[in-house]
Amino acid sequence: MNQGVISNFKAYYLRRTCRQMFEKKQTTDGEEKQPIREFWKNYNIMNAVESTNLSWNEVTEKCLKGVWKNIWLDLNKGGDTGHSVDMNKIVEEIVGISETKAV
């Protein structure tokens, strides 16, 4: 039942983490890209909790209704149910982030 919610959440979390990983960090002599190893070295529980919160907030009500509609029949009356985001779009965004910012 909750595979749709979990897969949406994981896609949002991965996209957010990739964006954070490839953000530029300011140094004294200009902009410099943060190495991936350095990003993970500095990634802590607070970063993970914050990313979890922001990613969970991206999961829509439509997604939640979509996974509950089979056992909560009243949700079918609204008609606006569906549980999946366009995963291809999310994957393309992640690849685009890594291609443009990793170079």
PDB file of N, CA and C in Angstrom:
ATOM      1  N   MET A   1       0.811  -1.189   0.000  1.00  0.00           N
ATOM      2  CA  MET A   1       0.000   0.000   0.000  1.00  0.00           C
ATOM      3  C   MET A   1       0.860   1.261   0.000  1.00  0.00           C
ATOM      4  N   ASN A   2       1.884   1.321   0.823  1.00  0.00           N
ATOM      5  CA  ASN A   2       2.643   2.567   0.925  1.00  0.00           C
ATOM      6  C   ASN A   2       3.872   2.604   0.029  1.00  0.00           C
ATOM      7  N   GLN A   3       3.979   1.669  -0.920  1.00  0.00           N
ATOM      8  CA  GLN A   3       5.121   1.684  -1.830  1.00  0.00           C
ATOM      9  C   GLN A   3       5.142   2.956  -2.657  1.00  0.00           C
ATOM     10  N   GLY A   4       3.963   3.441  -3.048  1.00  0.00           N
ATOM     11  CA  GLY A   4       3.892   4.670  -3.825  1.00  0.00           C
ATOM     12  C   GLY A   4       4.385   5.866  -3.041  1.00  0.00           C
ATOM     13  N   VAL A   5       3.998   5.938  -1.792  1.00  0.00           N
ATOM     14  CA  VAL A   5       4.431   7.052  -0.936  1.00  0.00           C
ATOM     15  C   VAL A   5       5.929   6.975  -0.702  1.00  0.00           C
ATOM     16  N   ILE A   6       6.414   5.791  -0.384  1.00  0.00           N
ATOM     17  CA  ILE A   6       7.839   5.625  -0.109  1.00  0.00           C
ATOM     18  C   ILE A   6       8.674   5.924  -1.350  1.00  0.00           C
ATOM     19  N   SER A   7       8.235   5.441  -2.515  1.00  0.00           N
ATOM     20  CA  SER A   7       9.022   5.695  -3.723  1.00  0.00           C
ATOM     21  C   SER A   7       9.036   7.183  -4.067  1.00  0.00           C
ATOM     22  N   ASN A   8       7.921   7.878  -3.879  1.00  0.00           N
ATOM     23  CA  ASN A   8       7.895   9.324  -4.102  1.00  0.00           C
ATOM     24  C   ASN A   8       8.830  10.033  -3.133  1.00  0.00           C
ATOM     25  N   PHE A   9       8.735   9.681  -1.855  1.00  0.00           N
ATOM     26  CA  PHE A   9       9.581  10.300  -0.839  1.00  0.00           C
ATOM     27  C   PHE A   9      11.062  10.076  -1.147  1.00  0.00           C
ATOM     28  N   LYS A  10      11.423   8.834  -1.493  1.00  0.00           N
ATOM     29  CA  LYS A  10      12.822   8.522  -1.782  1.00  0.00           C
ATOM     30  C   LYS A  10      13.337   9.302  -2.993  1.00  0.00           C
ATOM     31  N   ALA A  11      12.485   9.466  -3.994  1.00  0.00           N
ATOM     32  CA  ALA A  11      12.899  10.233  -5.178  1.00  0.00           C
ATOM     33  C   ALA A  11      13.133  11.690  -4.808  1.00  0.00           C
ATOM     34  N   TYR A  12      12.235  12.272  -4.004  1.00  0.00           N
ATOM     35  CA  TYR A  12      12.396  13.661  -3.574  1.00  0.00           C
ATOM     36  C   TYR A  12      13.645  13.821  -2.712  1.00  0.00           C
ATOM     37  N   TYR A  13      13.881  12.852  -1.819  1.00  0.00           N
ATOM     38  CA  TYR A  13      15.045  12.911  -0.933  1.00  0.00           C
ATOM     39  C   TYR A  13      16.341  12.830  -1.744  1.00  0.00           C
ATOM     40  N   LEU A  14      16.389  11.918  -2.702  1.00  0.00           N
ATOM     41  CA  LEU A  14      17.582  11.770  -3.530  1.00  0.00           C
ATOM     42  C   LEU A  14      17.840  13.042  -4.332  1.00  0.00           C
ATOM     43  N   ARG A  15      16.787  13.623  -4.912  1.00  0.00           N
ATOM     44  CA  ARG A  15      16.954  14.856  -5.686  1.00  0.00           C
ATOM     45  C   ARG A  15      17.474  15.981  -4.796  1.00  0.00           C
ATOM     46  N   ARG A  16      16.902  16.107  -3.598  1.00  0.00           N
ATOM     47  CA  ARG A  16      17.326  17.159  -2.668  1.00  0.00           C
ATOM     48  C   ARG A  16      18.780  16.959  -2.247  1.00  0.00           C
ATOM     49  N   THR A  17      19.158  15.730  -1.951  1.00  0.00           N
ATOM     50  CA  THR A  17      20.525  15.440  -1.524  1.00  0.00           C
ATOM     51  C   THR A  17      21.514  15.727  -2.649  1.00  0.00           C
ATOM     52  N   CYS A  18      21.152  15.356  -3.881  1.00  0.00           N
ATOM     53  CA  CYS A  18      22.040  15.643  -5.017  1.00  0.00           C
ATOM     54  C   CYS A  18      22.203  17.136  -5.214  1.00  0.00           C
ATOM     55  N   ARG A  19      21.117  17.881  -5.075  1.00  0.00           N
ATOM     56  CA  ARG A  19      21.225  19.341  -5.191  1.00  0.00           C
ATOM     57  C   ARG A  19      22.177  19.896  -4.140  1.00  0.00           C
ATOM     58  N   GLN A  20      22.030  19.420  -2.901  1.00  0.00           N
ATOM     59  CA  GLN A  20      22.897  19.891  -1.823  1.00  0.00           C
ATOM     60  C   GLN A  20      24.351  19.512  -2.099  1.00  0.00           C
ATOM     61  N   MET A  21      24.552  18.313  -2.610  1.00  0.00           N
ATOM     62  CA  MET A  21      25.902  17.825  -2.836  1.00  0.00           C
ATOM     63  C   MET A  21      26.631  18.679  -3.868  1.00  0.00           C
ATOM     64  N   PHE A  22      25.914  19.117  -4.882  1.00  0.00           N
ATOM     65  CA  PHE A  22      26.559  19.834  -5.966  1.00  0.00           C
ATOM     66  C   PHE A  22      26.451  21.354  -5.856  1.00  0.00           C
ATOM     67  N   GLU A  23      25.918  21.840  -4.724  1.00  0.00           N
ATOM     68  CA  GLU A  23      25.911  23.291  -4.524  1.00  0.00           C
ATOM     69  C   GLU A  23      27.348  23.786  -4.410  1.00  0.00           C
ATOM     70  N   LYS A  24      27.558  24.983  -4.872  1.00  0.00           N
ATOM     71  CA  LYS A  24      28.900  25.559  -4.767  1.00  0.00           C
ATOM     72  C   LYS A  24      29.100  26.114  -3.368  1.00  0.00           C
ATOM     73  N   LYS A  25      30.284  25.987  -2.896  1.00  0.00           N
ATOM     74  CA  LYS A  25      30.585  26.542  -1.585  1.00  0.00           C
ATOM     75  C   LYS A  25      31.554  27.697  -1.770  1.00  0.00           C
ATOM     76  N   GLN A  26      31.329  28.746  -1.024  1.00  0.00           N
ATOM     77  CA  GLN A  26      32.149  29.948  -1.137  1.00  0.00           C
ATOM     78  C   GLN A  26      33.485  29.740  -0.409  1.00  0.00           C
ATOM     79  N   THR A  27      34.530  30.208  -1.039  1.00  0.00           N
ATOM     80  CA  THR A  27      35.835  30.220  -0.390  1.00  0.00           C
ATOM     81  C   THR A  27      36.385  31.638  -0.454  1.00  0.00           C
ATOM     82  N   THR A  28      37.502  31.866   0.141  1.00  0.00           N
ATOM     83  CA  THR A  28      38.061  33.215   0.171  1.00  0.00           C
ATOM     84  C   THR A  28      38.507  33.703  -1.201  1.00  0.00           C
ATOM     85  N   ASP A  29      38.926  32.818  -2.051  1.00  0.00           N
ATOM     86  CA  ASP A  29      39.407  33.249  -3.365  1.00  0.00           C
ATOM     87  C   ASP A  29      38.431  32.910  -4.499  1.00  0.00           C
ATOM     88  N   GLY A  30      37.144  32.986  -4.241  1.00  0.00           N
ATOM     89  CA  GLY A  30      36.139  32.765  -5.282  1.00  0.00           C
ATOM     90  C   GLY A  30      35.283  31.541  -4.994  1.00  0.00           C
ATOM     91  N   GLU A  31      34.554  31.130  -6.021  1.00  0.00           N
ATOM     92  CA  GLU A  31      33.683  29.975  -5.865  1.00  0.00           C
ATOM     93  C   GLU A  31      34.431  28.697  -6.211  1.00  0.00           C
ATOM     94  N   GLU A  32      34.172  27.691  -5.428  1.00  0.00           N
ATOM     95  CA  GLU A  32      34.825  26.408  -5.636  1.00  0.00           C
ATOM     96  C   GLU A  32      33.803  25.323  -5.360  1.00  0.00           C
ATOM     97  N   LYS A  33      33.791  24.284  -6.167  1.00  0.00           N
ATOM     98  CA  LYS A  33      32.857  23.194  -5.951  1.00  0.00           C
ATOM     99  C   LYS A  33      33.332  22.325  -4.794  1.00  0.00           C
ATOM    100  N   GLN A  34      32.370  21.946  -3.978  1.00  0.00           N
ATOM    101  CA  GLN A  34      32.665  21.105  -2.829  1.00  0.00           C
ATOM    102  C   GLN A  34      32.846  19.661  -3.307  1.00  0.00           C
ATOM    103  N   PRO A  35      33.953  19.024  -2.976  1.00  0.00           N
ATOM    104  CA  PRO A  35      34.144  17.625  -3.368  1.00  0.00           C
ATOM    105  C   PRO A  35      33.091  16.722  -2.733  1.00  0.00           C
ATOM    106  N   ILE A  36      32.710  15.685  -3.445  1.00  0.00           N
ATOM    107  CA  ILE A  36      31.670  14.773  -2.954  1.00  0.00           C
ATOM    108  C   ILE A  36      32.085  14.148  -1.632  1.00  0.00           C
ATOM    109  N   ARG A  37      33.328  13.755  -1.532  1.00  0.00           N
ATOM    110  CA  ARG A  37      33.815  13.151  -0.281  1.00  0.00           C
ATOM    111  C   ARG A  37      33.651  14.133   0.887  1.00  0.00           C
ATOM    112  N   GLU A  38      33.948  15.397   0.635  1.00  0.00           N
ATOM    113  CA  GLU A  38      33.821  16.431   1.672  1.00  0.00           C
ATOM    114  C   GLU A  38      32.359  16.631   2.067  1.00  0.00           C
ATOM    115  N   PHE A  39      31.475  16.567   1.080  1.00  0.00           N
ATOM    116  CA  PHE A  39      30.037  16.696   1.367  1.00  0.00           C
ATOM    117  C   PHE A  39      29.593  15.600   2.331  1.00  0.00           C
ATOM    118  N   TRP A  40      29.922  14.344   2.022  1.00  0.00           N
ATOM    119  CA  TRP A  40      29.486  13.241   2.871  1.00  0.00           C
ATOM    120  C   TRP A  40      30.183  13.247   4.224  1.00  0.00           C
ATOM    121  N   LYS A  41      31.397  13.736   4.249  1.00  0.00           N
ATOM    122  CA  LYS A  41      32.118  13.839   5.519  1.00  0.00           C
ATOM    123  C   LYS A  41      31.414  14.818   6.459  1.00  0.00           C
ATOM    124  N   ASN A  42      30.861  15.892   5.888  1.00  0.00           N
ATOM    125  CA  ASN A  42      30.191  16.914   6.692  1.00  0.00           C
ATOM    126  C   ASN A  42      28.694  16.691   6.853  1.00  0.00           C
ATOM    127  N   TYR A  43      28.141  15.704   6.144  1.00  0.00           N
ATOM    128  CA  TYR A  43      26.703  15.421   6.221  1.00  0.00           C
ATOM    129  C   TYR A  43      26.430  14.774   7.573  1.00  0.00           C
ATOM    130  N   ASN A  44      25.510  15.340   8.329  1.00  0.00           N
ATOM    131  CA  ASN A  44      25.249  14.823   9.667  1.00  0.00           C
ATOM    132  C   ASN A  44      23.764  14.527   9.862  1.00  0.00           C
ATOM    133  N   ILE A  45      23.410  14.099  11.053  1.00  0.00           N
ATOM    134  CA  ILE A  45      22.028  13.721  11.344  1.00  0.00           C
ATOM    135  C   ILE A  45      21.089  14.905  11.160  1.00  0.00           C
ATOM    136  N   MET A  46      21.515  16.090  11.539  1.00  0.00           N
ATOM    137  CA  MET A  46      20.672  17.266  11.378  1.00  0.00           C
ATOM    138  C   MET A  46      20.376  17.528   9.900  1.00  0.00           C
ATOM    139  N   ASN A  47      21.378  17.369   9.032  1.00  0.00           N
ATOM    140  CA  ASN A  47      21.156  17.510   7.588  1.00  0.00           C
ATOM    141  C   ASN A  47      20.136  16.482   7.095  1.00  0.00           C
ATOM    142  N   ALA A  48      20.279  15.247   7.569  1.00  0.00           N
ATOM    143  CA  ALA A  48      19.369  14.181   7.154  1.00  0.00           C
ATOM    144  C   ALA A  48      17.947  14.455   7.632  1.00  0.00           C
ATOM    145  N   VAL A  49      17.794  14.925   8.859  1.00  0.00           N
ATOM    146  CA  VAL A  49      16.465  15.237   9.388  1.00  0.00           C
ATOM    147  C   VAL A  49      15.837  16.380   8.609  1.00  0.00           C
ATOM    148  N   GLU A  50      16.608  17.394   8.320  1.00  0.00           N
ATOM    149  CA  GLU A  50      16.103  18.532   7.550  1.00  0.00           C
ATOM    150  C   GLU A  50      15.698  18.107   6.141  1.00  0.00           C
ATOM    151  N   SER A  51      16.515  17.307   5.492  1.00  0.00           N
ATOM    152  CA  SER A  51      16.183  16.819   4.154  1.00  0.00           C
ATOM    153  C   SER A  51      14.955  15.912   4.183  1.00  0.00           C
ATOM    154  N   THR A  52      14.850  15.096   5.224  1.00  0.00           N
ATOM    155  CA  THR A  52      13.682  14.243   5.376  1.00  0.00           C
ATOM    156  C   THR A  52      12.417  15.079   5.499  1.00  0.00           C
ATOM    157  N   ASN A  53      12.463  16.106   6.324  1.00  0.00           N
ATOM    158  CA  ASN A  53      11.307  16.974   6.515  1.00  0.00           C
ATOM    159  C   ASN A  53      10.903  17.646   5.207  1.00  0.00           C
ATOM    160  N   LEU A  54      11.855  18.247   4.530  1.00  0.00           N
ATOM    161  CA  LEU A  54      11.550  18.960   3.286  1.00  0.00           C
ATOM    162  C   LEU A  54      11.073  18.007   2.192  1.00  0.00           C
ATOM    163  N   SER A  55      11.644  16.816   2.134  1.00  0.00           N
ATOM    164  CA  SER A  55      11.230  15.837   1.132  1.00  0.00           C
ATOM    165  C   SER A  55       9.834  15.308   1.435  1.00  0.00           C
ATOM    166  N   TRP A  56       9.548  15.065   2.700  1.00  0.00           N
ATOM    167  CA  TRP A  56       8.214  14.592   3.075  1.00  0.00           C
ATOM    168  C   TRP A  56       7.152  15.642   2.744  1.00  0.00           C
ATOM    169  N   ASN A  57       7.493  16.915   2.903  1.00  0.00           N
ATOM    170  CA  ASN A  57       6.543  17.986   2.579  1.00  0.00           C
ATOM    171  C   ASN A  57       6.218  18.039   1.088  1.00  0.00           C
ATOM    172  N   GLU A  58       7.063  17.462   0.244  1.00  0.00           N
ATOM    173  CA  GLU A  58       6.803  17.423  -1.195  1.00  0.00           C
ATOM    174  C   GLU A  58       5.815  16.322  -1.579  1.00  0.00           C
ATOM    175  N   VAL A  59       5.630  15.325  -0.714  1.00  0.00           N
ATOM    176  CA  VAL A  59       4.665  14.263  -0.992  1.00  0.00           C
ATOM    177  C   VAL A  59       3.273  14.877  -0.921  1.00  0.00           C
ATOM    178  N   THR A  60       2.520  14.723  -1.982  1.00  0.00           N
ATOM    179  CA  THR A  60       1.241  15.414  -2.095  1.00  0.00           C
ATOM    180  C   THR A  60       0.085  14.646  -1.455  1.00  0.00           C
ATOM    181  N   GLU A  61      -0.964  15.380  -1.214  1.00  0.00           N
ATOM    182  CA  GLU A  61      -2.195  14.776  -0.709  1.00  0.00           C
ATOM    183  C   GLU A  61      -2.739  13.782  -1.735  1.00  0.00           C
ATOM    184  N   LYS A  62      -2.607  14.111  -2.999  1.00  0.00           N
ATOM    185  CA  LYS A  62      -3.048  13.222  -4.076  1.00  0.00           C
ATOM    186  C   LYS A  62      -2.342  11.874  -3.988  1.00  0.00           C
ATOM    187  N   CYS A  63      -1.058  11.902  -3.695  1.00  0.00           N
ATOM    188  CA  CYS A  63      -0.288  10.671  -3.541  1.00  0.00           C
ATOM    189  C   CYS A  63      -0.815   9.842  -2.375  1.00  0.00           C
ATOM    190  N   LEU A  64      -1.042  10.498  -1.251  1.00  0.00           N
ATOM    191  CA  LEU A  64      -1.535   9.790  -0.066  1.00  0.00           C
ATOM    192  C   LEU A  64      -2.917   9.189  -0.315  1.00  0.00           C
ATOM    193  N   LYS A  65      -3.780   9.951  -0.961  1.00  0.00           N
ATOM    194  CA  LYS A  65      -5.115   9.426  -1.272  1.00  0.00           C
ATOM    195  C   LYS A  65      -5.025   8.252  -2.236  1.00  0.00           C
ATOM    196  N   GLY A  66      -4.098   8.340  -3.166  1.00  0.00           N
ATOM    197  CA  GLY A  66      -3.950   7.279  -4.154  1.00  0.00           C
ATOM    198  C   GLY A  66      -3.597   5.941  -3.548  1.00  0.00           C
ATOM    199  N   VAL A  67      -2.791   5.923  -2.513  1.00  0.00           N
ATOM    200  CA  VAL A  67      -2.403   4.646  -1.914  1.00  0.00           C
ATOM    201  C   VAL A  67      -3.442   4.135  -0.924  1.00  0.00           C
ATOM    202  N   TRP A  68      -4.293   4.999  -0.423  1.00  0.00           N
ATOM    203  CA  TRP A  68      -5.323   4.596   0.528  1.00  0.00           C
ATOM    204  C   TRP A  68      -6.655   4.269  -0.140  1.00  0.00           C
ATOM    205  N   LYS A  69      -6.823   4.596  -1.413  1.00  0.00           N
ATOM    206  CA  LYS A  69      -8.138   4.492  -2.055  1.00  0.00           C
ATOM    207  C   LYS A  69      -8.694   3.072  -2.096  1.00  0.00           C
ATOM    208  N   ASN A  70      -7.843   2.057  -2.109  1.00  0.00           N
ATOM    209  CA  ASN A  70      -8.334   0.676  -2.173  1.00  0.00           C
ATOM    210  C   ASN A  70      -8.954   0.193  -0.869  1.00  0.00           C
ATOM    211  N   ILE A  71      -8.550   0.749   0.247  1.00  0.00           N
ATOM    212  CA  ILE A  71      -9.133   0.303   1.520  1.00  0.00           C
ATOM    213  C   ILE A  71     -10.020   1.370   2.172  1.00  0.00           C
ATOM    214  N   TRP A  72      -9.938   2.601   1.696  1.00  0.00           N
ATOM    215  CA  TRP A  72     -10.760   3.691   2.227  1.00  0.00           C
ATOM    216  C   TRP A  72     -11.622   4.184   1.062  1.00  0.00           C
ATOM    217  N   LEU A  73     -12.740   3.530   0.887  1.00  0.00           N
ATOM    218  CA  LEU A  73     -13.558   3.709  -0.308  1.00  0.00           C
ATOM    219  C   LEU A  73     -14.102   5.121  -0.470  1.00  0.00           C
ATOM    220  N   ASP A  74     -14.254   5.871   0.606  1.00  0.00           N
ATOM    221  CA  ASP A  74     -14.750   7.247   0.500  1.00  0.00           C
ATOM    222  C   ASP A  74     -13.802   8.131  -0.313  1.00  0.00           C
ATOM    223  N   LEU A  75     -12.534   7.780  -0.368  1.00  0.00           N
ATOM    224  CA  LEU A  75     -11.571   8.581  -1.123  1.00  0.00           C
ATOM    225  C   LEU A  75     -11.812   8.493  -2.624  1.00  0.00           C
ATOM    226  N   ASN A  76     -12.419   7.395  -3.075  1.00  0.00           N
ATOM    227  CA  ASN A  76     -12.689   7.234  -4.504  1.00  0.00           C
ATOM    228  C   ASN A  76     -13.722   8.223  -5.007  1.00  0.00           C
ATOM    229  N   LYS A  77     -14.548   8.748  -4.123  1.00  0.00           N
ATOM    230  CA  LYS A  77     -15.599   9.671  -4.521  1.00  0.00           C
ATOM    231  C   LYS A  77     -15.035  11.006  -4.995  1.00  0.00           C
ATOM    232  N   GLY A  78     -13.881  11.402  -4.485  1.00  0.00           N
ATOM    233  CA  GLY A  78     -13.281  12.676  -4.868  1.00  0.00           C
ATOM    234  C   GLY A  78     -12.774  12.675  -6.302  1.00  0.00           C
ATOM    235  N   GLY A  79     -12.349  11.534  -6.781  1.00  0.00           N
ATOM    236  CA  GLY A  79     -11.893  11.408  -8.150  1.00  0.00           C
ATOM    237  C   GLY A  79     -10.466  11.862  -8.406  1.00  0.00           C
ATOM    238  N   ASP A  80      -9.891  12.653  -7.540  1.00  0.00           N
ATOM    239  CA  ASP A  80      -8.539  13.171  -7.764  1.00  0.00           C
ATOM    240  C   ASP A  80      -7.537  12.345  -6.973  1.00  0.00           C
ATOM    241  N   THR A  81      -7.346  11.095  -7.405  1.00  0.00           N
ATOM    242  CA  THR A  81      -6.397  10.238  -6.704  1.00  0.00           C
ATOM    243  C   THR A  81      -5.372   9.703  -7.688  1.00  0.00           C
ATOM    244  N   GLY A  82      -4.199   9.561  -7.233  1.00  0.00           N
ATOM    245  CA  GLY A  82      -3.086   9.021  -8.002  1.00  0.00           C
ATOM    246  C   GLY A  82      -1.890   9.051  -7.088  1.00  0.00           C
ATOM    247  N   HIS A  83      -1.039   8.069  -7.165  1.00  0.00           N
ATOM    248  CA  HIS A  83       0.003   7.993  -6.147  1.00  0.00           C
ATOM    249  C   HIS A  83       1.420   8.122  -6.671  1.00  0.00           C
ATOM    250  N   SER A  84       1.581   8.339  -7.923  1.00  0.00           N
ATOM    251  CA  SER A  84       2.950   8.299  -8.396  1.00  0.00           C
ATOM    252  C   SER A  84       3.327   9.579  -9.123  1.00  0.00           C
ATOM    253  N   VAL A  85       4.514  10.019  -8.878  1.00  0.00           N
ATOM    254  CA  VAL A  85       5.053  11.149  -9.638  1.00  0.00           C
ATOM    255  C   VAL A  85       5.687  10.570 -10.896  1.00  0.00           C
ATOM    256  N   ASP A  86       6.031  11.420 -11.790  1.00  0.00           N
ATOM    257  CA  ASP A  86       6.709  10.974 -12.998  1.00  0.00           C
ATOM    258  C   ASP A  86       8.175  10.713 -12.636  1.00  0.00           C
ATOM    259  N   MET A  87       8.489   9.458 -12.349  1.00  0.00           N
ATOM    260  CA  MET A  87       9.834   9.100 -11.912  1.00  0.00           C
ATOM    261  C   MET A  87      10.875   9.414 -12.977  1.00  0.00           C
ATOM    262  N   ASN A  88      10.498   9.299 -14.237  1.00  0.00           N
ATOM    263  CA  ASN A  88      11.448   9.630 -15.302  1.00  0.00           C
ATOM    264  C   ASN A  88      11.865  11.093 -15.212  1.00  0.00           C
ATOM    265  N   LYS A  89      10.917  11.949 -14.881  1.00  0.00           N
ATOM    266  CA  LYS A  89      11.216  13.376 -14.750  1.00  0.00           C
ATOM    267  C   LYS A  89      12.187  13.619 -13.593  1.00  0.00           C
ATOM    268  N   ILE A  90      11.937  12.965 -12.464  1.00  0.00           N
ATOM    269  CA  ILE A  90      12.814  13.109 -11.291  1.00  0.00           C
ATOM    270  C   ILE A  90      14.220  12.608 -11.623  1.00  0.00           C
ATOM    271  N   VAL A  91      14.302  11.454 -12.282  1.00  0.00           N
ATOM    272  CA  VAL A  91      15.606  10.891 -12.650  1.00  0.00           C
ATOM    273  C   VAL A  91      16.344  11.837 -13.598  1.00  0.00           C
ATOM    274  N   GLU A  92      15.621  12.395 -14.563  1.00  0.00           N
ATOM    275  CA  GLU A  92      16.239  13.347 -15.478  1.00  0.00           C
ATOM    276  C   GLU A  92      16.756  14.575 -14.739  1.00  0.00           C
ATOM    277  N   GLU A  93      16.002  15.051 -13.742  1.00  0.00           N
ATOM    278  CA  GLU A  93      16.453  16.194 -12.944  1.00  0.00           C
ATOM    279  C   GLU A  93      17.738  15.861 -12.200  1.00  0.00           C
ATOM    280  N   ILE A  94      17.797  14.668 -11.595  1.00  0.00           N
ATOM    281  CA  ILE A  94      18.975  14.254 -10.840  1.00  0.00           C
ATOM    282  C   ILE A  94      20.181  14.146 -11.762  1.00  0.00           C
ATOM    283  N   VAL A  95      19.994  13.530 -12.921  1.00  0.00           N
ATOM    284  CA  VAL A  95      21.082  13.409 -13.882  1.00  0.00           C
ATOM    285  C   VAL A  95      21.520  14.789 -14.356  1.00  0.00           C
ATOM    286  N   GLY A  96      20.548  15.659 -14.609  1.00  0.00           N
ATOM    287  CA  GLY A  96      20.869  17.018 -15.038  1.00  0.00           C
ATOM    288  C   GLY A  96      21.652  17.778 -13.987  1.00  0.00           C
ATOM    289  N   ILE A  97      21.263  17.614 -12.733  1.00  0.00           N
ATOM    290  CA  ILE A  97      21.985  18.280 -11.634  1.00  0.00           C
ATOM    291  C   ILE A  97      23.434  17.795 -11.603  1.00  0.00           C
ATOM    292  N   SER A  98      23.615  16.493 -11.693  1.00  0.00           N
ATOM    293  CA  SER A  98      24.970  15.948 -11.605  1.00  0.00           C
ATOM    294  C   SER A  98      25.811  16.305 -12.824  1.00  0.00           C
ATOM    295  N   GLU A  99      25.199  16.348 -13.997  1.00  0.00           N
ATOM    296  CA  GLU A  99      25.964  16.691 -15.198  1.00  0.00           C
ATOM    297  C   GLU A  99      26.385  18.155 -15.228  1.00  0.00           C
ATOM    298  N   THR A 100      25.480  19.050 -14.869  1.00  0.00           N
ATOM    299  CA  THR A 100      25.794  20.472 -14.973  1.00  0.00           C
ATOM    300  C   THR A 100      26.648  20.973 -13.830  1.00  0.00           C
ATOM    301  N   LYS A 101      26.510  20.377 -12.667  1.00  0.00           N
ATOM    302  CA  LYS A 101      27.216  20.916 -11.511  1.00  0.00           C
ATOM    303  C   LYS A 101      28.457  20.135 -11.136  1.00  0.00           C
ATOM    304  N   ALA A 102      28.610  18.939 -11.669  1.00  0.00           N
ATOM    305  CA  ALA A 102      29.781  18.143 -11.325  1.00  0.00           C
ATOM    306  C   ALA A 102      30.969  18.475 -12.221  1.00  0.00           C
ATOM    307  N   VAL A 103      30.697  19.063 -13.347  1.00  0.00           N
ATOM    308  CA  VAL A 103      31.777  19.369 -14.308  1.00  0.00           C
ATOM    309  C   VAL A 103      32.585  20.539 -13.871  1.00  0.00           C
TER     310      VAL A 103
END
